[in-house]
Amino acid sequence: MLCRKHEQEVNNQPRRSKWIKAKNHCQNFSQLFETCVLQEDVPDLIKQLSRGPNSIAKRYSGYLINGYRFHVRQRDARRKTQNSGVTLVASTTSFASSKDKNMIAADLTYYGRIVDIVELDYYNHFKLNLITHKFMKMSHLNI
């Protein structure tokens, strides 16, 4: 609901292009989220999210999830078998350029390698694992 509210505020600026409106929404939402959560009655989990994670994080060279083992690319470089490859199909909207006025929606397929695995701690309320990838579009490959 907060996201839609912010998007409506940004879209109420009639003389701005759609590209500028989308950019403003992405850049300013996190600040609005933090401020709004402090003023409203929201669940504790949402308040913890708005504070952001602890500044100390853990880094891992491997990760096991749902029976699948993944490694970072640097670790795979020393091994005969590799487990750092990932594929992602992303549904996205974008502009062809900053001068373009119409957004387009598309499914894009990417192939990537895991570069880093970091665990963020939200002050012992919960932990979140981030997996950083280097991706390239599959549509540009002649496979």
Protein backbone atom coordinates (compact mmCIF):
# COMPACT_ATOMS: atom_id res chain seq x y z
CA MET A 1 0.00 0.00 0.00
CA LEU A 2 2.82 2.41 0.86
CA CYS A 3 4.50 1.65 -2.45
CA ARG A 4 1.31 2.49 -4.38
CA LYS A 5 0.82 5.64 -2.30
CA HIS A 6 4.34 6.83 -3.12
CA GLU A 7 3.91 5.95 -6.79
CA GLN A 8 0.69 8.02 -6.89
CA GLU A 9 2.48 11.00 -5.33
CA VAL A 10 5.25 10.75 -7.91
CA ASN A 11 2.73 10.36 -10.77
CA ASN A 12 0.84 13.49 -9.65
CA GLN A 13 3.67 15.60 -11.06
CA PRO A 14 2.10 16.21 -14.50
CA ARG A 15 5.01 17.86 -16.31
CA ARG A 16 7.52 15.10 -15.62
CA SER A 17 8.17 12.28 -18.06
CA LYS A 18 7.33 8.66 -17.18
CA TRP A 19 11.05 7.89 -17.06
CA ILE A 20 11.72 10.66 -14.51
CA LYS A 21 8.70 9.56 -12.44
CA ALA A 22 9.89 5.93 -12.35
CA LYS A 23 13.41 7.05 -11.45
CA ASN A 24 12.13 9.28 -8.61
CA HIS A 25 9.97 6.47 -7.24
CA CYS A 26 12.94 4.08 -7.08
CA GLN A 27 15.33 6.64 -5.57
CA ASN A 28 13.05 8.08 -2.89
CA PHE A 29 10.95 5.13 -1.72
CA SER A 30 13.36 3.76 0.92
CA GLN A 31 13.52 7.12 2.73
CA LEU A 32 9.72 7.41 2.71
CA PHE A 33 9.44 3.80 3.94
CA GLU A 34 11.69 4.44 6.94
CA THR A 35 9.87 7.67 7.89
CA CYS A 36 6.36 6.27 7.41
CA VAL A 37 7.00 3.11 9.43
CA LEU A 38 8.05 5.16 12.46
CA GLN A 39 4.84 7.18 12.35
CA GLU A 40 2.34 4.36 11.79
CA ASP A 41 1.22 1.27 13.70
CA VAL A 42 2.95 -1.51 11.77
CA PRO A 43 4.20 -5.00 12.69
CA ASP A 44 7.62 -5.25 14.36
CA LEU A 45 9.05 -7.13 11.36
CA ILE A 46 8.32 -4.17 9.07
CA LYS A 47 9.92 -1.76 11.55
CA GLN A 48 13.07 -3.91 11.62
CA LEU A 49 13.20 -3.91 7.81
CA SER A 50 12.98 -0.11 7.75
CA ARG A 51 16.03 0.21 10.05
CA GLY A 52 18.16 -1.73 7.63
CA PRO A 53 20.61 -4.50 8.53
CA ASN A 54 23.42 -4.51 11.09
CA SER A 55 26.61 -3.02 9.60
CA ILE A 56 28.48 -6.29 10.26
CA ALA A 57 27.77 -9.09 7.77
CA LYS A 58 29.09 -12.63 7.19
CA ARG A 59 30.56 -13.72 3.86
CA TYR A 60 30.42 -17.34 2.65
CA SER A 61 32.14 -19.22 -0.18
CA GLY A 62 29.31 -21.77 -0.42
CA TYR A 63 25.62 -22.09 0.34
CA LEU A 64 23.24 -25.06 0.65
CA ILE A 65 19.54 -24.46 -0.06
CA ASN A 66 16.75 -26.96 -0.79
CA GLY A 67 19.29 -29.73 -1.31
CA TYR A 68 21.33 -27.73 -3.86
CA ARG A 69 24.89 -26.65 -3.15
CA PHE A 70 26.23 -23.43 -4.66
CA HIS A 71 29.74 -21.99 -4.58
CA VAL A 72 31.14 -18.58 -5.46
CA ARG A 73 33.02 -18.31 -8.75
CA GLN A 74 36.38 -17.82 -7.02
CA ARG A 75 36.00 -21.15 -5.16
CA ASP A 76 34.98 -22.95 -8.38
CA ALA A 77 38.17 -21.74 -10.07
CA ARG A 78 40.16 -24.13 -7.84
CA ARG A 79 37.94 -27.18 -8.50
CA LYS A 80 37.20 -29.65 -11.28
CA THR A 81 33.43 -29.43 -10.81
CA GLN A 82 31.59 -26.13 -10.71
CA ASN A 83 28.46 -25.07 -8.83
CA SER A 84 28.43 -21.31 -9.35
CA GLY A 85 26.22 -21.13 -12.46
CA VAL A 86 22.66 -19.81 -12.24
CA THR A 87 19.85 -18.95 -14.66
CA LEU A 88 17.18 -16.31 -14.15
CA VAL A 89 14.08 -15.38 -16.16
CA ALA A 90 13.10 -11.83 -15.20
CA SER A 91 9.77 -10.18 -16.00
CA THR A 92 10.52 -6.49 -16.19
CA THR A 93 9.35 -3.14 -17.47
CA SER A 94 11.81 -0.66 -18.87
CA PHE A 95 12.38 2.22 -21.24
CA ALA A 96 14.41 1.78 -24.40
CA SER A 97 16.19 5.07 -23.64
CA SER A 98 15.85 8.18 -21.47
CA LYS A 99 14.01 9.90 -24.36
CA ASP A 100 11.49 7.07 -24.73
CA LYS A 101 8.04 7.86 -23.32
CA ASN A 102 6.53 4.35 -23.32
CA MET A 103 7.45 1.55 -20.96
CA ILE A 104 7.70 -1.96 -22.38
CA ALA A 105 7.21 -5.27 -20.53
CA ALA A 106 9.31 -8.31 -21.38
CA ASP A 107 10.70 -11.59 -20.03
CA LEU A 108 14.49 -11.61 -20.19
CA THR A 109 16.62 -14.73 -19.66
CA TYR A 110 20.01 -14.32 -18.03
CA TYR A 111 22.84 -16.72 -17.27
CA GLY A 112 25.25 -15.83 -14.51
CA ARG A 113 27.89 -16.89 -12.06
CA ILE A 114 27.69 -16.41 -8.29
CA VAL A 115 30.27 -13.85 -7.23
CA ASP A 116 29.52 -13.39 -3.53
CA ILE A 117 27.28 -14.77 -0.77
CA VAL A 118 26.60 -12.44 2.17
CA GLU A 119 24.39 -12.93 5.23
CA LEU A 120 22.74 -9.76 6.60
CA ASP A 121 21.63 -9.72 10.23
CA TYR A 122 18.63 -7.58 11.15
CA TYR A 123 19.60 -7.21 14.81
CA ASN A 124 18.80 -10.85 15.70
CA HIS A 125 15.17 -10.54 14.53
CA PHE A 126 15.95 -12.38 11.29
CA LYS A 127 18.75 -12.99 8.80
CA LEU A 128 18.75 -12.54 5.04
CA ASN A 129 21.16 -14.10 2.55
CA LEU A 130 22.16 -12.09 -0.51
CA ILE A 131 23.70 -13.81 -3.49
CA THR A 132 25.53 -11.48 -5.88
CA HIS A 133 25.76 -12.56 -9.52
CA LYS A 134 27.35 -11.41 -12.73
CA PHE A 135 24.73 -11.92 -15.43
CA MET A 136 24.57 -11.69 -19.19
CA LYS A 137 21.49 -11.89 -21.39
CA MET A 138 20.94 -15.29 -23.00
CA SER A 139 19.10 -13.70 -25.94
CA HIS A 140 22.39 -12.24 -27.21
CA LEU A 141 24.08 -15.64 -27.39
CA ASN A 142 23.94 -17.88 -30.45
CA ILE A 143 23.22 -21.16 -28.68
